[in-house]
Each structure stands twice: as C-alpha cells, then as structure tokens.
C-alpha cells in the first residue's frame, strides 16, 4: 500500500505531470514522469484507470495491482518526482505478473526519456 505522502491526489498535479512530463507507452500501460526543478519531498505516484478498462471491480483490481508494483519502484524514483500511470483497456485481461513486468519496463523507459531531455 502506498502511504498518503506518496500518492498524487490533486487534479492539478495529475495535469502538470501529464502535460509537462516525459511519456512512455507499451501495450498495457502509459507512464508520465515529471521531475520539477528544485523538487523536494517524497516521490508521488498517481493512477488513471478509466471506465474503458472495465467496470468498477475490474478497475479497482487493476489499480490495486499497479499500486503494489509501484510500492517496489518507489525507492528508485528521485525525491520530488511525480509519476502518473494510465492503464489501457487491455490491462483488464492481463495477468498480474505481466502487468508488474510492464509497469517496471514502462517506468524505466519514462525515466530514461526524462534523462535525455
């Protein structure tokens, strides 16, 4: 479980991250990563799982699986960074192991893109 200090909650933070951050996509997930200049504090992660993924039960299952995967990735994120993970409709049928491996891969790709900016 992500602690409250590691969760993106405000709409403005989601918007800023998706508009200003670097983006990486794969078949199940899209990651938006943003490191504001002079950022301090803990890294924060947010999730976007739309109704296109499925009903409420399916969306919450996908979100729980993503949250568990991000718990492992948090120590690798720089302080003050923001990460938004968007689940694509195919994520609903993916097994948890595939979702976890793609999460690691897409986050690594977004971090690499941000490093080249």
PDB file of N, CA and C in Angstrom:
ATOM      1  N   UNK A   1       0.833  -1.185   0.000  1.00  0.00           N
ATOM      2  CA  UNK A   1       0.000   0.000   0.000  1.00  0.00           C
ATOM      3  C   UNK A   1       0.876   1.247   0.000  1.00  0.00           C
ATOM      4  N   UNK A   2       0.561   2.178  -0.855  1.00  0.00           N
ATOM      5  CA  UNK A   2       1.280   3.443  -0.885  1.00  0.00           C
ATOM      6  C   UNK A   2       0.798   4.320   0.261  1.00  0.00           C
ATOM      7  N   UNK A   3       1.729   4.927   0.952  1.00  0.00           N
ATOM      8  CA  UNK A   3       1.336   5.836   2.028  1.00  0.00           C
ATOM      9  C   UNK A   3       0.771   7.116   1.419  1.00  0.00           C
ATOM     10  N   UNK A   4       0.045   7.860   2.207  1.00  0.00           N
ATOM     11  CA  UNK A   4      -0.593   9.082   1.722  1.00  0.00           C
ATOM     12  C   UNK A   4       0.430  10.078   1.187  1.00  0.00           C
ATOM     13  N   UNK A   5       1.614  10.106   1.777  1.00  0.00           N
ATOM     14  CA  UNK A   5       2.635  11.057   1.333  1.00  0.00           C
ATOM     15  C   UNK A   5       3.203  10.705  -0.039  1.00  0.00           C
ATOM     16  N   UNK A   6       2.962   9.490  -0.519  1.00  0.00           N
ATOM     17  CA  UNK A   6       3.471   9.057  -1.820  1.00  0.00           C
ATOM     18  C   UNK A   6       2.391   9.026  -2.902  1.00  0.00           C
ATOM     19  N   UNK A   7       1.196   9.524  -2.605  1.00  0.00           N
ATOM     20  CA  UNK A   7       0.103   9.481  -3.572  1.00  0.00           C
ATOM     21  C   UNK A   7      -0.174  10.851  -4.171  1.00  0.00           C
ATOM     22  N   UNK A   8      -0.355  10.889  -5.479  1.00  0.00           N
ATOM     23  CA  UNK A   8      -0.849  12.099  -6.135  1.00  0.00           C
ATOM     24  C   UNK A   8      -2.348  12.138  -5.894  1.00  0.00           C
ATOM     25  N   UNK A   9      -2.852  13.267  -5.467  1.00  0.00           N
ATOM     26  CA  UNK A   9      -4.276  13.355  -5.170  1.00  0.00           C
ATOM     27  C   UNK A   9      -4.962  14.517  -5.871  1.00  0.00           C
ATOM     28  N   UNK A  10      -4.233  15.593  -6.106  1.00  0.00           N
ATOM     29  CA  UNK A  10      -4.858  16.783  -6.667  1.00  0.00           C
ATOM     30  C   UNK A  10      -4.870  16.733  -8.192  1.00  0.00           C
ATOM     31  N   UNK A  11      -5.963  17.177  -8.756  1.00  0.00           N
ATOM     32  CA  UNK A  11      -6.120  17.195 -10.207  1.00  0.00           C
ATOM     33  C   UNK A  11      -5.013  18.006 -10.875  1.00  0.00           C
ATOM     34  N   UNK A  12      -4.611  19.103 -10.250  1.00  0.00           N
ATOM     35  CA  UNK A  12      -3.558  19.950 -10.824  1.00  0.00           C
ATOM     36  C   UNK A  12      -2.233  19.200 -10.926  1.00  0.00           C
ATOM     37  N   UNK A  13      -1.944  18.335  -9.951  1.00  0.00           N
ATOM     38  CA  UNK A  13      -0.707  17.551 -10.007  1.00  0.00           C
ATOM     39  C   UNK A  13      -0.750  16.547 -11.157  1.00  0.00           C
ATOM     40  N   UNK A  14      -1.900  15.904 -11.356  1.00  0.00           N
ATOM     41  CA  UNK A  14      -2.055  14.972 -12.473  1.00  0.00           C
ATOM     42  C   UNK A  14      -1.872  15.712 -13.800  1.00  0.00           C
ATOM     43  N   UNK A  15      -2.524  16.857 -13.926  1.00  0.00           N
ATOM     44  CA  UNK A  15      -2.452  17.639 -15.159  1.00  0.00           C
ATOM     45  C   UNK A  15      -1.028  18.097 -15.435  1.00  0.00           C
ATOM     46  N   UNK A  16      -0.361  18.638 -14.438  1.00  0.00           N
ATOM     47  CA  UNK A  16       1.014  19.116 -14.596  1.00  0.00           C
ATOM     48  C   UNK A  16       1.938  17.975 -15.019  1.00  0.00           C
ATOM     49  N   UNK A  17       1.768  16.824 -14.412  1.00  0.00           N
ATOM     50  CA  UNK A  17       2.624  15.677 -14.720  1.00  0.00           C
ATOM     51  C   UNK A  17       2.385  15.171 -16.139  1.00  0.00           C
ATOM     52  N   UNK A  18       1.130  15.051 -16.538  1.00  0.00           N
ATOM     53  CA  UNK A  18       0.848  14.519 -17.872  1.00  0.00           C
ATOM     54  C   UNK A  18       1.199  15.514 -18.975  1.00  0.00           C
ATOM     55  N   UNK A  19       1.085  16.790 -18.716  1.00  0.00           N
ATOM     56  CA  UNK A  19       1.386  17.790 -19.749  1.00  0.00           C
ATOM     57  C   UNK A  19       2.875  18.101 -19.853  1.00  0.00           C
ATOM     58  N   UNK A  20       3.565  18.163 -18.725  1.00  0.00           N
ATOM     59  CA  UNK A  20       4.968  18.581 -18.727  1.00  0.00           C
ATOM     60  C   UNK A  20       5.955  17.427 -18.674  1.00  0.00           C
ATOM     61  N   UNK A  21       5.488  16.266 -18.314  1.00  0.00           N
ATOM     62  CA  UNK A  21       6.398  15.144 -18.110  1.00  0.00           C
ATOM     63  C   UNK A  21       6.733  14.394 -19.380  1.00  0.00           C
ATOM     64  N   UNK A  22       7.688  13.490 -19.248  1.00  0.00           N
ATOM     65  CA  UNK A  22       8.031  12.624 -20.373  1.00  0.00           C
ATOM     66  C   UNK A  22       7.107  11.409 -20.341  1.00  0.00           C
ATOM     67  N   UNK A  23       6.790  10.919 -21.537  1.00  0.00           N
ATOM     68  CA  UNK A  23       5.782   9.872 -21.673  1.00  0.00           C
ATOM     69  C   UNK A  23       6.408   8.639 -22.298  1.00  0.00           C
ATOM     70  N   UNK A  24       6.049   7.491 -21.755  1.00  0.00           N
ATOM     71  CA  UNK A  24       6.458   6.212 -22.335  1.00  0.00           C
ATOM     72  C   UNK A  24       5.232   5.310 -22.339  1.00  0.00           C
ATOM     73  N   UNK A  25       5.061   4.561 -23.420  1.00  0.00           N
ATOM     74  CA  UNK A  25       3.875   3.717 -23.551  1.00  0.00           C
ATOM     75  C   UNK A  25       4.249   2.315 -23.991  1.00  0.00           C
ATOM     76  N   UNK A  26       3.440   1.371 -23.549  1.00  0.00           N
ATOM     77  CA  UNK A  26       3.536  -0.006 -24.007  1.00  0.00           C
ATOM     78  C   UNK A  26       2.112  -0.505 -24.226  1.00  0.00           C
ATOM     79  N   UNK A  27       1.947  -1.786 -24.411  1.00  0.00           N
ATOM     80  CA  UNK A  27       0.632  -2.303 -24.798  1.00  0.00           C
ATOM     81  C   UNK A  27      -0.422  -2.201 -23.699  1.00  0.00           C
ATOM     82  N   UNK A  28      -0.007  -2.217 -22.435  1.00  0.00           N
ATOM     83  CA  UNK A  28      -0.971  -2.199 -21.332  1.00  0.00           C
ATOM     84  C   UNK A  28      -1.005  -0.887 -20.562  1.00  0.00           C
ATOM     85  N   UNK A  29       0.120  -0.168 -20.549  1.00  0.00           N
ATOM     86  CA  UNK A  29       0.255   0.999 -19.675  1.00  0.00           C
ATOM     87  C   UNK A  29       0.931   2.169 -20.381  1.00  0.00           C
ATOM     88  N   UNK A  30       0.630   3.367 -19.890  1.00  0.00           N
ATOM     89  CA  UNK A  30       1.319   4.586 -20.295  1.00  0.00           C
ATOM     90  C   UNK A  30       1.820   5.238 -19.009  1.00  0.00           C
ATOM     91  N   UNK A  31       3.083   5.659 -19.015  1.00  0.00           N
ATOM     92  CA  UNK A  31       3.658   6.320 -17.839  1.00  0.00           C
ATOM     93  C   UNK A  31       4.021   7.752 -18.197  1.00  0.00           C
ATOM     94  N   UNK A  32       3.672   8.679 -17.319  1.00  0.00           N
ATOM     95  CA  UNK A  32       4.062  10.081 -17.441  1.00  0.00           C
ATOM     96  C   UNK A  32       4.935  10.385 -16.227  1.00  0.00           C
ATOM     97  N   UNK A  33       6.163  10.838 -16.479  1.00  0.00           N
ATOM     98  CA  UNK A  33       7.106  11.106 -15.395  1.00  0.00           C
ATOM     99  C   UNK A  33       7.533  12.563 -15.467  1.00  0.00           C
ATOM    100  N   UNK A  34       7.528  13.237 -14.314  1.00  0.00           N
ATOM    101  CA  UNK A  34       7.888  14.653 -14.256  1.00  0.00           C
ATOM    102  C   UNK A  34       8.698  14.914 -12.997  1.00  0.00           C
ATOM    103  N   UNK A  35       9.827  15.596 -13.177  1.00  0.00           N
ATOM    104  CA  UNK A  35      10.661  15.998 -12.046  1.00  0.00           C
ATOM    105  C   UNK A  35      10.778  17.513 -12.088  1.00  0.00           C
ATOM    106  N   UNK A  36       9.983  18.228 -11.277  1.00  0.00           N
ATOM    107  CA  UNK A  36      10.040  19.688 -11.275  1.00  0.00           C
ATOM    108  C   UNK A  36      11.406  20.179 -10.799  1.00  0.00           C
ATOM    109  N   UNK A  37      11.829  21.325 -11.313  1.00  0.00           N
ATOM    110  CA  UNK A  37      13.103  21.907 -10.898  1.00  0.00           C
ATOM    111  C   UNK A  37      13.044  22.257  -9.414  1.00  0.00           C
ATOM    112  N   UNK A  38      14.063  21.883  -8.687  1.00  0.00           N
ATOM    113  CA  UNK A  38      14.128  22.178  -7.260  1.00  0.00           C
ATOM    114  C   UNK A  38      13.136  21.399  -6.416  1.00  0.00           C
ATOM    115  N   UNK A  39      12.674  20.289  -6.925  1.00  0.00           N
ATOM    116  CA  UNK A  39      11.670  19.498  -6.209  1.00  0.00           C
ATOM    117  C   UNK A  39      12.266  18.832  -4.974  1.00  0.00           C
ATOM    118  N   UNK A  40      11.501  18.835  -3.914  1.00  0.00           N
ATOM    119  CA  UNK A  40      11.889  18.148  -2.682  1.00  0.00           C
ATOM    120  C   UNK A  40      10.695  17.324  -2.213  1.00  0.00           C
ATOM    121  N   UNK A  41      10.907  16.577  -1.167  1.00  0.00           N
ATOM    122  CA  UNK A  41       9.822  15.764  -0.629  1.00  0.00           C
ATOM    123  C   UNK A  41       9.802  14.395  -1.273  1.00  0.00           C
ATOM    124  N   UNK A  42       8.843  13.589  -0.884  1.00  0.00           N
ATOM    125  CA  UNK A  42       8.794  12.216  -1.403  1.00  0.00           C
ATOM    126  C   UNK A  42       8.318  12.167  -2.856  1.00  0.00           C
ATOM    127  N   UNK A  43       8.703  11.122  -3.549  1.00  0.00           N
ATOM    128  CA  UNK A  43       8.178  10.865  -4.893  1.00  0.00           C
ATOM    129  C   UNK A  43       6.698  10.525  -4.756  1.00  0.00           C
ATOM    130  N   UNK A  44       5.905  10.952  -5.736  1.00  0.00           N
ATOM    131  CA  UNK A  44       4.463  10.711  -5.677  1.00  0.00           C
ATOM    132  C   UNK A  44       3.999   9.986  -6.926  1.00  0.00           C
ATOM    133  N   UNK A  45       3.041   9.089  -6.733  1.00  0.00           N
ATOM    134  CA  UNK A  45       2.517   8.270  -7.822  1.00  0.00           C
ATOM    135  C   UNK A  45       0.996   8.386  -7.854  1.00  0.00           C
ATOM    136  N   UNK A  46       0.447   8.489  -9.063  1.00  0.00           N
ATOM    137  CA  UNK A  46      -0.997   8.514  -9.241  1.00  0.00           C
ATOM    138  C   UNK A  46      -1.397   7.557 -10.349  1.00  0.00           C
ATOM    139  N   UNK A  47      -2.646   7.145 -10.348  1.00  0.00           N
ATOM    140  CA  UNK A  47      -3.136   6.165 -11.315  1.00  0.00           C
ATOM    141  C   UNK A  47      -4.385   6.687 -11.999  1.00  0.00           C
ATOM    142  N   UNK A  48      -4.485   6.413 -13.297  1.00  0.00           N
ATOM    143  CA  UNK A  48      -5.670   6.738 -14.068  1.00  0.00           C
ATOM    144  C   UNK A  48      -6.145   5.451 -14.724  1.00  0.00           C
ATOM    145  N   UNK A  49      -7.297   4.982 -14.286  1.00  0.00           N
ATOM    146  CA  UNK A  49      -7.872   3.758 -14.842  1.00  0.00           C
ATOM    147  C   UNK A  49      -9.308   4.103 -15.227  1.00  0.00           C
ATOM    148  N   UNK A  50      -9.532   4.324 -16.510  1.00  0.00           N
ATOM    149  CA  UNK A  50     -10.840   4.797 -16.969  1.00  0.00           C
ATOM    150  C   UNK A  50     -11.848   3.660 -17.084  1.00  0.00           C
ATOM    151  N   UNK A  51     -13.081   4.039 -17.329  1.00  0.00           N
ATOM    152  CA  UNK A  51     -14.141   3.038 -17.468  1.00  0.00           C
ATOM    153  C   UNK A  51     -13.968   2.198 -18.728  1.00  0.00           C
ATOM    154  N   UNK A  52     -13.096   2.622 -19.642  1.00  0.00           N
ATOM    155  CA  UNK A  52     -12.804   1.810 -20.830  1.00  0.00           C
ATOM    156  C   UNK A  52     -12.091   0.515 -20.447  1.00  0.00           C
ATOM    157  N   UNK A  53     -11.440   0.508 -19.288  1.00  0.00           N
ATOM    158  CA  UNK A  53     -10.747  -0.692 -18.805  1.00  0.00           C
ATOM    159  C   UNK A  53     -11.763  -1.734 -18.366  1.00  0.00           C
ATOM    160  N   UNK A  54     -12.857  -1.302 -17.776  1.00  0.00           N
ATOM    161  CA  UNK A  54     -13.880  -2.238 -17.321  1.00  0.00           C
ATOM    162  C   UNK A  54     -14.746  -1.607 -16.257  1.00  0.00           C
ATOM    163  N   UNK A  55     -15.546  -2.444 -15.637  1.00  0.00           N
ATOM    164  CA  UNK A  55     -16.415  -1.979 -14.564  1.00  0.00           C
ATOM    165  C   UNK A  55     -15.620  -1.643 -13.312  1.00  0.00           C
ATOM    166  N   UNK A  56     -16.324  -1.243 -12.300  1.00  0.00           N
ATOM    167  CA  UNK A  56     -15.699  -0.808 -11.055  1.00  0.00           C
ATOM    168  C   UNK A  56     -14.789  -1.870 -10.446  1.00  0.00           C
ATOM    169  N   UNK A  57     -15.251  -3.097 -10.403  1.00  0.00           N
ATOM    170  CA  UNK A  57     -14.470  -4.177  -9.795  1.00  0.00           C
ATOM    171  C   UNK A  57     -13.167  -4.393 -10.563  1.00  0.00           C
ATOM    172  N   UNK A  58     -13.251  -4.399 -11.875  1.00  0.00           N
ATOM    173  CA  UNK A  58     -12.066  -4.607 -12.716  1.00  0.00           C
ATOM    174  C   UNK A  58     -11.097  -3.438 -12.570  1.00  0.00           C
ATOM    175  N   UNK A  59     -11.614  -2.217 -12.614  1.00  0.00           N
ATOM    176  CA  UNK A  59     -10.750  -1.033 -12.477  1.00  0.00           C
ATOM    177  C   UNK A  59     -10.022  -1.033 -11.147  1.00  0.00           C
ATOM    178  N   UNK A  60     -10.727  -1.362 -10.077  1.00  0.00           N
ATOM    179  CA  UNK A  60     -10.090  -1.369  -8.764  1.00  0.00           C
ATOM    180  C   UNK A  60      -9.065  -2.495  -8.635  1.00  0.00           C
ATOM    181  N   UNK A  61      -9.317  -3.628  -9.266  1.00  0.00           N
ATOM    182  CA  UNK A  61      -8.338  -4.727  -9.251  1.00  0.00           C
ATOM    183  C   UNK A  61      -7.057  -4.304  -9.967  1.00  0.00           C
ATOM    184  N   UNK A  62      -7.205  -3.684 -11.133  1.00  0.00           N
ATOM    185  CA  UNK A  62      -6.039  -3.207 -11.881  1.00  0.00           C
ATOM    186  C   UNK A  62      -5.289  -2.158 -11.065  1.00  0.00           C
ATOM    187  N   UNK A  63      -6.011  -1.244 -10.442  1.00  0.00           N
ATOM    188  CA  UNK A  63      -5.374  -0.210  -9.626  1.00  0.00           C
ATOM    189  C   UNK A  63      -4.619  -0.817  -8.451  1.00  0.00           C
ATOM    190  N   UNK A  64      -5.196  -1.803  -7.789  1.00  0.00           N
ATOM    191  CA  UNK A  64      -4.507  -2.464  -6.666  1.00  0.00           C
ATOM    192  C   UNK A  64      -3.220  -3.126  -7.126  1.00  0.00           C
ATOM    193  N   UNK A  65      -3.270  -3.778  -8.281  1.00  0.00           N
ATOM    194  CA  UNK A  65      -2.072  -4.436  -8.803  1.00  0.00           C
ATOM    195  C   UNK A  65      -0.999  -3.412  -9.159  1.00  0.00           C
ATOM    196  N   UNK A  66      -1.397  -2.294  -9.739  1.00  0.00           N
ATOM    197  CA  UNK A  66      -0.436  -1.248 -10.077  1.00  0.00           C
ATOM    198  C   UNK A  66       0.148  -0.609  -8.823  1.00  0.00           C
ATOM    199  N   UNK A  67      -0.699  -0.390  -7.833  1.00  0.00           N
ATOM    200  CA  UNK A  67      -0.235   0.199  -6.576  1.00  0.00           C
ATOM    201  C   UNK A  67       0.815  -0.689  -5.913  1.00  0.00           C
ATOM    202  N   UNK A  68       0.578  -1.995  -5.924  1.00  0.00           N
ATOM    203  CA  UNK A  68       1.535  -2.939  -5.337  1.00  0.00           C
ATOM    204  C   UNK A  68       2.856  -2.912  -6.097  1.00  0.00           C
ATOM    205  N   UNK A  69       2.793  -2.810  -7.407  1.00  0.00           N
ATOM    206  CA  UNK A  69       4.016  -2.739  -8.202  1.00  0.00           C
ATOM    207  C   UNK A  69       4.785  -1.457  -7.973  1.00  0.00           C
ATOM    208  N   UNK A  70       4.085  -0.358  -7.790  1.00  0.00           N
ATOM    209  CA  UNK A  70       4.750   0.927  -7.557  1.00  0.00           C
ATOM    210  C   UNK A  70       5.399   0.991  -6.185  1.00  0.00           C
ATOM    211  N   UNK A  71       4.871   0.258  -5.238  1.00  0.00           N
ATOM    212  CA  UNK A  71       5.468   0.210  -3.901  1.00  0.00           C
ATOM    213  C   UNK A  71       6.922  -0.249  -4.001  1.00  0.00           C
ATOM    214  N   UNK A  72       7.186  -1.197  -4.886  1.00  0.00           N
ATOM    215  CA  UNK A  72       8.536  -1.723  -5.079  1.00  0.00           C
ATOM    216  C   UNK A  72       9.415  -0.716  -5.825  1.00  0.00           C
ATOM    217  N   UNK A  73       8.815   0.071  -6.725  1.00  0.00           N
ATOM    218  CA  UNK A  73       9.573   1.012  -7.549  1.00  0.00           C
ATOM    219  C   UNK A  73       9.877   2.339  -6.857  1.00  0.00           C
ATOM    220  N   UNK A  74       9.164   2.669  -5.800  1.00  0.00           N
ATOM    221  CA  UNK A  74       9.329   3.964  -5.138  1.00  0.00           C
ATOM    222  C   UNK A  74      10.766   4.301  -4.746  1.00  0.00           C
ATOM    223  N   UNK A  75      11.536   3.376  -4.188  1.00  0.00           N
ATOM    224  CA  UNK A  75      12.910   3.733  -3.812  1.00  0.00           C
ATOM    225  C   UNK A  75      13.783   4.154  -4.996  1.00  0.00           C
ATOM    226  N   UNK A  76      13.422   3.753  -6.213  1.00  0.00           N
ATOM    227  CA  UNK A  76      14.209   4.103  -7.397  1.00  0.00           C
ATOM    228  C   UNK A  76      13.869   5.478  -7.958  1.00  0.00           C
ATOM    229  N   UNK A  77      12.768   6.073  -7.502  1.00  0.00           N
ATOM    230  CA  UNK A  77      12.350   7.375  -8.011  1.00  0.00           C
ATOM    231  C   UNK A  77      13.038   8.493  -7.235  1.00  0.00           C
ATOM    232  N   UNK A  78      13.511   9.533  -7.942  1.00  0.00           N
ATOM    233  CA  UNK A  78      14.147  10.663  -7.262  1.00  0.00           C
ATOM    234  C   UNK A  78      13.159  11.409  -6.361  1.00  0.00           C
ATOM    235  N   UNK A  79      13.680  12.052  -5.340  1.00  0.00           N
ATOM    236  CA  UNK A  79      12.846  12.832  -4.421  1.00  0.00           C
ATOM    237  C   UNK A  79      12.139  13.946  -5.187  1.00  0.00           C
ATOM    238  N   UNK A  80      10.877  14.137  -4.888  1.00  0.00           N
ATOM    239  CA  UNK A  80      10.093  15.196  -5.501  1.00  0.00           C
ATOM    240  C   UNK A  80       9.531  14.872  -6.872  1.00  0.00           C
ATOM    241  N   UNK A  81       9.808  13.699  -7.381  1.00  0.00           N
ATOM    242  CA  UNK A  81       9.323  13.349  -8.718  1.00  0.00           C
ATOM    243  C   UNK A  81       7.850  12.956  -8.677  1.00  0.00           C
ATOM    244  N   UNK A  82       7.212  13.083  -9.822  1.00  0.00           N
ATOM    245  CA  UNK A  82       5.793  12.743  -9.965  1.00  0.00           C
ATOM    246  C   UNK A  82       5.666  11.708 -11.078  1.00  0.00           C
ATOM    247  N   UNK A  83       4.827  10.714 -10.854  1.00  0.00           N
ATOM    248  CA  UNK A  83       4.624   9.645 -11.823  1.00  0.00           C
ATOM    249  C   UNK A  83       3.133   9.353 -11.917  1.00  0.00           C
ATOM    250  N   UNK A  84       2.603   9.392 -13.134  1.00  0.00           N
ATOM    251  CA  UNK A  84       1.206   9.025 -13.369  1.00  0.00           C
ATOM    252  C   UNK A  84       1.206   7.801 -14.273  1.00  0.00           C
ATOM    253  N   UNK A  85       0.530   6.754 -13.835  1.00  0.00           N
ATOM    254  CA  UNK A  85       0.399   5.526 -14.605  1.00  0.00           C
ATOM    255  C   UNK A  85      -1.032   5.444 -15.116  1.00  0.00           C
ATOM    256  N   UNK A  86      -1.181   5.331 -16.437  1.00  0.00           N
ATOM    257  CA  UNK A  86      -2.505   5.209 -17.047  1.00  0.00           C
ATOM    258  C   UNK A  86      -2.657   3.804 -17.602  1.00  0.00           C
ATOM    259  N   UNK A  87      -3.703   3.122 -17.183  1.00  0.00           N
ATOM    260  CA  UNK A  87      -3.969   1.764 -17.661  1.00  0.00           C
ATOM    261  C   UNK A  87      -4.783   1.831 -18.947  1.00  0.00           C
ATOM    262  N   UNK A  88      -4.372   1.053 -19.921  1.00  0.00           N
ATOM    263  CA  UNK A  88      -5.101   0.946 -21.181  1.00  0.00           C
ATOM    264  C   UNK A  88      -6.098  -0.211 -21.081  1.00  0.00           C
ATOM    265  N   UNK A  89      -7.113  -0.250 -21.940  1.00  0.00           N
ATOM    266  CA  UNK A  89      -8.157  -1.280 -21.814  1.00  0.00           C
ATOM    267  C   UNK A  89      -7.647  -2.720 -21.767  1.00  0.00           C
ATOM    268  N   UNK A  90      -6.559  -3.028 -22.453  1.00  0.00           N
ATOM    269  CA  UNK A  90      -6.034  -4.399 -22.447  1.00  0.00           C
ATOM    270  C   UNK A  90      -5.511  -4.813 -21.075  1.00  0.00           C
ATOM    271  N   UNK A  91      -5.278  -3.878 -20.176  1.00  0.00           N
ATOM    272  CA  UNK A  91      -4.767  -4.207 -18.839  1.00  0.00           C
ATOM    273  C   UNK A  91      -5.761  -5.053 -18.052  1.00  0.00           C
ATOM    274  N   UNK A  92      -7.033  -4.974 -18.383  1.00  0.00           N
ATOM    275  CA  UNK A  92      -8.058  -5.726 -17.654  1.00  0.00           C
ATOM    276  C   UNK A  92      -7.887  -7.229 -17.806  1.00  0.00           C
ATOM    277  N   UNK A  93      -7.430  -7.681 -18.968  1.00  0.00           N
ATOM    278  CA  UNK A  93      -7.285  -9.117 -19.211  1.00  0.00           C
ATOM    279  C   UNK A  93      -5.882  -9.636 -18.897  1.00  0.00           C
ATOM    280  N   UNK A  94      -4.959  -8.754 -18.604  1.00  0.00           N
ATOM    281  CA  UNK A  94      -3.569  -9.169 -18.384  1.00  0.00           C
ATOM    282  C   UNK A  94      -3.405  -9.811 -17.013  1.00  0.00           C
ATOM    283  N   UNK A  95      -2.598 -10.875 -16.929  1.00  0.00           N
ATOM    284  CA  UNK A  95      -2.297 -11.445 -15.616  1.00  0.00           C
ATOM    285  C   UNK A  95      -1.439 -10.471 -14.801  1.00  0.00           C
ATOM    286  N   UNK A  96      -1.498 -10.607 -13.502  1.00  0.00           N
ATOM    287  CA  UNK A  96      -0.785  -9.686 -12.613  1.00  0.00           C
ATOM    288  C   UNK A  96       0.712  -9.667 -12.902  1.00  0.00           C
ATOM    289  N   UNK A  97       1.286 -10.817 -13.210  1.00  0.00           N
ATOM    290  CA  UNK A  97       2.731 -10.867 -13.476  1.00  0.00           C
ATOM    291  C   UNK A  97       3.100 -10.055 -14.714  1.00  0.00           C
ATOM    292  N   UNK A  98       2.269 -10.107 -15.739  1.00  0.00           N
ATOM    293  CA  UNK A  98       2.540  -9.326 -16.948  1.00  0.00           C
ATOM    294  C   UNK A  98       2.382  -7.836 -16.666  1.00  0.00           C
ATOM    295  N   UNK A  99       1.379  -7.488 -15.883  1.00  0.00           N
ATOM    296  CA  UNK A  99       1.153  -6.091 -15.520  1.00  0.00           C
ATOM    297  C   UNK A  99       2.340  -5.546 -14.732  1.00  0.00           C
ATOM    298  N   UNK A 100       2.868  -6.347 -13.799  1.00  0.00           N
ATOM    299  CA  UNK A 100       4.009  -5.918 -12.988  1.00  0.00           C
ATOM    300  C   UNK A 100       5.258  -5.727 -13.845  1.00  0.00           C
ATOM    301  N   UNK A 101       5.524  -6.661 -14.746  1.00  0.00           N
ATOM    302  CA  UNK A 101       6.727  -6.543 -15.574  1.00  0.00           C
ATOM    303  C   UNK A 101       6.618  -5.365 -16.537  1.00  0.00           C
ATOM    304  N   UNK A 102       5.435  -5.140 -17.084  1.00  0.00           N
ATOM    305  CA  UNK A 102       5.264  -3.997 -17.977  1.00  0.00           C
ATOM    306  C   UNK A 102       5.344  -2.682 -17.205  1.00  0.00           C
ATOM    307  N   UNK A 103       4.871  -2.669 -15.976  1.00  0.00           N
ATOM    308  CA  UNK A 103       4.979  -1.477 -15.142  1.00  0.00           C
ATOM    309  C   UNK A 103       6.446  -1.106 -14.942  1.00  0.00           C
ATOM    310  N   UNK A 104       7.265  -2.081 -14.561  1.00  0.00           N
ATOM    311  CA  UNK A 104       8.699  -1.812 -14.380  1.00  0.00           C
ATOM    312  C   UNK A 104       9.322  -1.293 -15.673  1.00  0.00           C
ATOM    313  N   UNK A 105       8.973  -1.914 -16.768  1.00  0.00           N
ATOM    314  CA  UNK A 105       9.539  -1.549 -18.066  1.00  0.00           C
ATOM    315  C   UNK A 105       9.135  -0.140 -18.496  1.00  0.00           C
ATOM    316  N   UNK A 106       7.869   0.191 -18.364  1.00  0.00           N
ATOM    317  CA  UNK A 106       7.387   1.495 -18.819  1.00  0.00           C
ATOM    318  C   UNK A 106       7.907   2.615 -17.914  1.00  0.00           C
ATOM    319  N   UNK A 107       8.055   2.359 -16.629  1.00  0.00           N
ATOM    320  CA  UNK A 107       8.612   3.379 -15.727  1.00  0.00           C
ATOM    321  C   UNK A 107      10.082   3.609 -16.059  1.00  0.00           C
ATOM    322  N   UNK A 108      10.829   2.531 -16.296  1.00  0.00           N
ATOM    323  CA  UNK A 108      12.239   2.673 -16.693  1.00  0.00           C
ATOM    324  C   UNK A 108      12.363   3.493 -17.978  1.00  0.00           C
ATOM    325  N   UNK A 109      11.485   3.234 -18.933  1.00  0.00           N
ATOM    326  CA  UNK A 109      11.517   3.963 -20.207  1.00  0.00           C
ATOM    327  C   UNK A 109      11.204   5.448 -20.005  1.00  0.00           C
ATOM    328  N   UNK A 110      10.239   5.757 -19.158  1.00  0.00           N
ATOM    329  CA  UNK A 110       9.894   7.159 -18.894  1.00  0.00           C
ATOM    330  C   UNK A 110      11.037   7.879 -18.191  1.00  0.00           C
ATOM    331  N   UNK A 111      11.694   7.210 -17.249  1.00  0.00           N
ATOM    332  CA  UNK A 111      12.847   7.807 -16.565  1.00  0.00           C
ATOM    333  C   UNK A 111      13.987   8.049 -17.552  1.00  0.00           C
ATOM    334  N   UNK A 112      14.218   7.112 -18.453  1.00  0.00           N
ATOM    335  CA  UNK A 112      15.281   7.266 -19.447  1.00  0.00           C
ATOM    336  C   UNK A 112      14.984   8.429 -20.391  1.00  0.00           C
ATOM    337  N   UNK A 113      13.722   8.572 -20.803  1.00  0.00           N
ATOM    338  CA  UNK A 113      13.344   9.689 -21.671  1.00  0.00           C
ATOM    339  C   UNK A 113      13.553  11.021 -20.965  1.00  0.00           C
ATOM    340  N   UNK A 114      13.199  11.071 -19.692  1.00  0.00           N
ATOM    341  CA  UNK A 114      13.354  12.313 -18.932  1.00  0.00           C
ATOM    342  C   UNK A 114      14.827  12.671 -18.779  1.00  0.00           C
ATOM    343  N   UNK A 115      15.685  11.680 -18.676  1.00  0.00           N
ATOM    344  CA  UNK A 115      17.120  11.927 -18.506  1.00  0.00           C
ATOM    345  C   UNK A 115      17.736  12.528 -19.767  1.00  0.00           C
ATOM    346  N   UNK A 116      17.145  12.255 -20.928  1.00  0.00           N
ATOM    347  CA  UNK A 116      17.689  12.784 -22.178  1.00  0.00           C
ATOM    348  C   UNK A 116      17.147  14.163 -22.521  1.00  0.00           C
ATOM    349  N   UNK A 117      16.139  14.621 -21.809  1.00  0.00           N
ATOM    350  CA  UNK A 117      15.564  15.955 -22.079  1.00  0.00           C
ATOM    351  C   UNK A 117      16.499  17.050 -21.648  1.00  0.00           C
TER     352      UNK A 117
END
